[in-house]
C-alpha atoms as a PDB file:
ATOM      1  CA  MET A   1     -14.152  12.884 -18.477  1.00  0.00           C
ATOM      2  CA  LYS A   2     -12.829   9.383 -19.116  1.00  0.00           C
ATOM      3  CA  ARG A   3      -9.380  10.412 -17.867  1.00  0.00           C
ATOM      4  CA  MET A   4     -10.879  11.880 -14.680  1.00  0.00           C
ATOM      5  CA  LYS A   5     -12.723   8.608 -13.956  1.00  0.00           C
ATOM      6  CA  SER A   6      -9.489   6.708 -14.439  1.00  0.00           C
ATOM      7  CA  GLN A   7      -7.648   9.015 -12.038  1.00  0.00           C
ATOM      8  CA  ILE A   8     -10.400   8.707  -9.445  1.00  0.00           C
ATOM      9  CA  LEU A   9     -10.368   4.910  -9.693  1.00  0.00           C
ATOM     10  CA  THR A  10      -6.588   4.902  -9.361  1.00  0.00           C
ATOM     11  CA  LEU A  11      -6.812   7.104  -6.275  1.00  0.00           C
ATOM     12  CA  LEU A  12      -9.494   4.890  -4.722  1.00  0.00           C
ATOM     13  CA  LEU A  13      -7.443   1.767  -5.366  1.00  0.00           C
ATOM     14  CA  PHE A  14      -4.413   3.444  -3.811  1.00  0.00           C
ATOM     15  CA  LEU A  15      -6.416   4.381  -0.698  1.00  0.00           C
ATOM     16  CA  VAL A  16      -7.804   0.855  -0.349  1.00  0.00           C
ATOM     17  CA  VAL A  17      -4.285  -0.584  -0.493  1.00  0.00           C
ATOM     18  CA  ILE A  18      -2.979   1.927   2.060  1.00  0.00           C
ATOM     19  CA  PHE A  19      -5.823   1.390   4.529  1.00  0.00           C
ATOM     20  CA  SER A  20      -5.803  -2.400   4.206  1.00  0.00           C
ATOM     21  CA  THR A  21      -2.042  -2.453   4.808  1.00  0.00           C
ATOM     22  CA  ASN A  22      -2.459  -0.326   7.926  1.00  0.00           C
ATOM     23  CA  TYR A  23      -5.229  -2.592   9.182  1.00  0.00           C
ATOM     24  CA  ALA A  24      -3.100  -5.689   8.683  1.00  0.00           C
ATOM     25  CA  ASP A  25      -0.332  -4.081  10.730  1.00  0.00           C
ATOM     26  CA  ALA A  26      -2.758  -2.853  13.381  1.00  0.00           C
ATOM     27  CA  GLN A  27      -2.431  -5.959  15.571  1.00  0.00           C
ATOM     28  CA  ILE A  28       1.099  -6.930  16.435  1.00  0.00           C
ATOM     29  CA  LEU A  29       2.582  -9.772  18.456  1.00  0.00           C
ATOM     30  CA  ASP A  30       6.163  -9.013  19.496  1.00  0.00           C
ATOM     31  CA  PHE A  31       8.527 -11.336  21.315  1.00  0.00           C
ATOM     32  CA  CYS A  32      10.840  -9.351  23.563  1.00  0.00           C
ATOM     33  CA  GLU A  33      13.030  -9.248  26.668  1.00  0.00           C
ATOM     34  CA  GLY A  34      10.852  -6.615  28.348  1.00  0.00           C
ATOM     35  CA  VAL A  35       8.156  -3.990  27.887  1.00  0.00           C
ATOM     36  CA  ASP A  36       8.422  -0.288  28.753  1.00  0.00           C
ATOM     37  CA  ASP A  37       5.667   1.763  30.426  1.00  0.00           C
ATOM     38  CA  PHE A  38       4.281   2.835  27.046  1.00  0.00           C
ATOM     39  CA  GLY A  39       3.864  -0.692  25.666  1.00  0.00           C
ATOM     40  CA  ASN A  40       7.004  -0.669  23.526  1.00  0.00           C
ATOM     41  CA  PRO A  41       9.136  -3.805  23.253  1.00  0.00           C
ATOM     42  CA  ILE A  42      12.633  -3.925  24.748  1.00  0.00           C
ATOM     43  CA  GLY A  43      14.974  -6.343  22.992  1.00  0.00           C
ATOM     44  CA  SER A  44      12.503  -7.483  20.342  1.00  0.00           C
ATOM     45  CA  SER A  45      13.492 -10.535  18.274  1.00  0.00           C
ATOM     46  CA  SER A  46      12.099 -13.616  16.590  1.00  0.00           C
ATOM     47  CA  VAL A  47      14.969 -15.795  17.899  1.00  0.00           C
ATOM     48  CA  PHE A  48      15.806 -16.274  21.591  1.00  0.00           C
ATOM     49  CA  ASN A  49      18.404 -18.341  23.427  1.00  0.00           C
ATOM     50  CA  VAL A  50      17.404 -19.997  26.699  1.00  0.00           C
ATOM     51  CA  GLY A  51      19.482 -21.944  29.196  1.00  0.00           C
ATOM     52  CA  ALA A  52      19.273 -25.682  29.731  1.00  0.00           C
ATOM     53  CA  ASP A  53      16.903 -25.062  32.651  1.00  0.00           C
ATOM     54  CA  GLY A  54      14.684 -22.773  30.561  1.00  0.00           C
ATOM     55  CA  GLY A  55      14.340 -19.052  30.081  1.00  0.00           C
ATOM     56  CA  TYR A  56      11.597 -16.502  29.768  1.00  0.00           C
ATOM     57  CA  LEU A  57      10.565 -13.807  27.343  1.00  0.00           C
ATOM     58  CA  PHE A  58       7.503 -11.642  26.879  1.00  0.00           C
ATOM     59  CA  PHE A  59       4.627 -11.916  24.421  1.00  0.00           C
ATOM     60  CA  LEU A  60       3.628  -8.288  23.742  1.00  0.00           C
ATOM     61  CA  VAL A  61       0.346  -7.664  21.921  1.00  0.00           C
ATOM     62  CA  ARG A  62      -0.365  -4.180  20.549  1.00  0.00           C
ATOM     63  CA  LEU A  63      -3.778  -3.345  19.073  1.00  0.00           C
ATOM     64  CA  GLN A  64      -5.186  -0.480  17.014  1.00  0.00           C
ATOM     65  CA  GLU A  65      -8.496  -0.541  18.916  1.00  0.00           C
ATOM     66  CA  PRO A  66      -9.349  -1.485  22.522  1.00  0.00           C
ATOM     67  CA  LEU A  67      -9.514  -5.235  23.098  1.00  0.00           C
ATOM     68  CA  GLY A  68     -13.131  -5.386  24.272  1.00  0.00           C
ATOM     69  CA  CYS A  69     -12.445  -8.528  26.330  1.00  0.00           C
ATOM     70  CA  ASP A  70     -11.247  -9.403  29.813  1.00  0.00           C
ATOM     71  CA  HIS A  71      -9.012 -12.295  28.742  1.00  0.00           C
ATOM     72  CA  VAL A  72      -7.096 -13.755  25.811  1.00  0.00           C
ATOM     73  CA  ASN A  73      -5.558 -17.107  24.955  1.00  0.00           C
ATOM     74  CA  TYR A  74      -2.141 -17.734  23.445  1.00  0.00           C
ATOM     75  CA  LEU A  75      -2.235 -20.932  21.394  1.00  0.00           C
ATOM     76  CA  LEU A  76       1.239 -22.408  20.871  1.00  0.00           C
ATOM     77  CA  TYR A  77       2.002 -24.814  18.056  1.00  0.00           C
ATOM     78  CA  ASP A  78       5.250 -26.656  17.365  1.00  0.00           C
ATOM     79  CA  VAL A  79       6.394 -26.042  13.787  1.00  0.00           C
ATOM     80  CA  ASP A  80       8.399 -28.768  12.030  1.00  0.00           C
ATOM     81  CA  TYR A  81      10.929 -28.397   9.205  1.00  0.00           C
ATOM     82  CA  ASN A  82       8.157 -28.615   6.586  1.00  0.00           C
ATOM     83  CA  GLY A  83       6.145 -25.826   8.211  1.00  0.00           C
ATOM     84  CA  ASN A  84       3.507 -28.176   9.633  1.00  0.00           C
ATOM     85  CA  GLU A  85       1.961 -27.032  12.911  1.00  0.00           C
ATOM     86  CA  ASP A  86       1.218 -29.393  15.806  1.00  0.00           C
ATOM     87  CA  TYR A  87      -0.755 -28.086  18.794  1.00  0.00           C
ATOM     88  CA  ASN A  88       1.385 -27.751  21.928  1.00  0.00           C
ATOM     89  CA  THR A  89      -0.495 -25.810  24.627  1.00  0.00           C
ATOM     90  CA  THR A  90      -2.786 -22.893  25.446  1.00  0.00           C
ATOM     91  CA  ILE A  91      -1.797 -20.140  27.861  1.00  0.00           C
ATOM     92  CA  GLU A  92      -4.662 -18.068  29.243  1.00  0.00           C
ATOM     93  CA  GLN A  93      -4.229 -14.451  30.323  1.00  0.00           C
ATOM     94  CA  VAL A  94      -7.042 -13.141  32.507  1.00  0.00           C
ATOM     95  CA  ASP A  95      -5.578  -9.911  33.905  1.00  0.00           C
ATOM     96  CA  ILE A  96      -6.638  -7.716  30.987  1.00  0.00           C
ATOM     97  CA  GLY A  97      -9.032  -4.774  30.762  1.00  0.00           C
ATOM     98  CA  PRO A  98     -11.492  -4.373  27.858  1.00  0.00           C
ATOM     99  CA  ASN A  99     -10.163  -0.868  27.087  1.00  0.00           C
ATOM    100  CA  TRP A 100      -6.536  -1.984  26.837  1.00  0.00           C
ATOM    101  CA  ARG A 101      -4.672  -1.475  23.565  1.00  0.00           C
ATOM    102  CA  PHE A 102      -1.573  -3.364  24.659  1.00  0.00           C
ATOM    103  CA  PHE A 103      -0.792  -6.160  27.104  1.00  0.00           C
ATOM    104  CA  TRP A 104       1.936  -8.685  27.670  1.00  0.00           C
ATOM    105  CA  ARG A 105       2.570 -12.058  29.233  1.00  0.00           C
ATOM    106  CA  LYS A 106       5.817 -13.482  30.581  1.00  0.00           C
ATOM    107  CA  VAL A 107       6.306 -16.977  29.131  1.00  0.00           C
ATOM    108  CA  THR A 108       8.999 -19.526  29.981  1.00  0.00           C
ATOM    109  CA  PHE A 109      10.374 -21.899  27.343  1.00  0.00           C
ATOM    110  CA  TYR A 110      12.269 -25.067  28.249  1.00  0.00           C
ATOM    111  CA  LYS A 111      12.712 -26.706  24.861  1.00  0.00           C
ATOM    112  CA  ALA A 112      14.380 -25.564  21.650  1.00  0.00           C
ATOM    113  CA  GLY A 113      12.210 -25.386  18.570  1.00  0.00           C
ATOM    114  CA  THR A 114      10.147 -23.205  16.296  1.00  0.00           C
ATOM    115  CA  TYR A 115       6.754 -22.170  17.604  1.00  0.00           C
ATOM    116  CA  LYS A 116       3.761 -20.448  16.022  1.00  0.00           C
ATOM    117  CA  VAL A 117       1.772 -18.359  18.505  1.00  0.00           C
ATOM    118  CA  TYR A 118      -1.824 -17.332  17.848  1.00  0.00           C
ATOM    119  CA  VAL A 119      -3.525 -14.773  20.095  1.00  0.00           C
ATOM    120  CA  GLU A 120      -7.276 -15.319  20.440  1.00  0.00           C
ATOM    121  CA  ASP A 121      -9.697 -12.872  22.060  1.00  0.00           C
ATOM    122  CA  CYS A 122     -12.467 -13.938  24.457  1.00  0.00           C
ATOM    123  CA  TYR A 123     -14.748 -14.723  21.481  1.00  0.00           C
ATOM    124  CA  GLY A 124     -12.250 -17.094  19.855  1.00  0.00           C
ATOM    125  CA  TYR A 125     -11.199 -14.712  17.074  1.00  0.00           C
ATOM    126  CA  VAL A 126      -7.506 -14.649  16.179  1.00  0.00           C
ATOM    127  CA  LEU A 127      -6.180 -11.148  16.828  1.00  0.00           C
ATOM    128  CA  THR A 128      -2.657 -11.757  15.563  1.00  0.00           C
ATOM    129  CA  SER A 129       0.009 -14.417  15.243  1.00  0.00           C
ATOM    130  CA  SER A 130       3.739 -14.726  14.861  1.00  0.00           C
ATOM    131  CA  THR A 131       6.520 -17.293  14.799  1.00  0.00           C
ATOM    132  CA  ILE A 132       9.391 -17.566  17.247  1.00  0.00           C
ATOM    133  CA  LYS A 133      12.498 -19.736  17.290  1.00  0.00           C
ATOM    134  CA  ILE A 134      13.910 -20.897  20.626  1.00  0.00           C
ATOM    135  CA  LYS A 135      17.504 -22.089  20.861  1.00  0.00           C
ATOM    136  CA  THR A 136      19.213 -23.624  23.883  1.00  0.00           C
ATOM    137  CA  LYS A 137      22.637 -22.522  25.064  1.00  0.00           C
END
C-alpha cells in the first residue's frame, strides 16, 4: 500500500509539472516579419535589423483561451547592459475581438537597442512578455 501511495504521488507531481509547463507556454509573444492567415509567425526572431530610417516588424500574440477584452497595451521598456528596464512607451491596440486567440500589431523601430515588451489585457494583467534586440544597418 505504501508503494502504491508513492506511485500515485509521483504521478500527480508529474501531471502538475506537465500542466503548469503547458500553461506557461500558453501565451506567446512572437516577433516576426509577417503573420499567416492561421496566426503563425513568418520569419520569427528575437533579433531584427532595421535601416537608418527605421523598419517595422510584427508583435504576434497567441493565447490558449479567448482574450476576453476589446483592446490590449504593449508596454515597451529599454533594457540596458545590466538588464535594468527603463519605461519607453505604450502602444495601444484597439482593433481586437474578445473571442480572439491571436492578434498582431505592426510596430516600427527607429533606434537600435534591446527592448522588453509586456502585453497587458484591458484589465491591466500581463498576458505575456518577451525581449527583442534591434540592430541598425
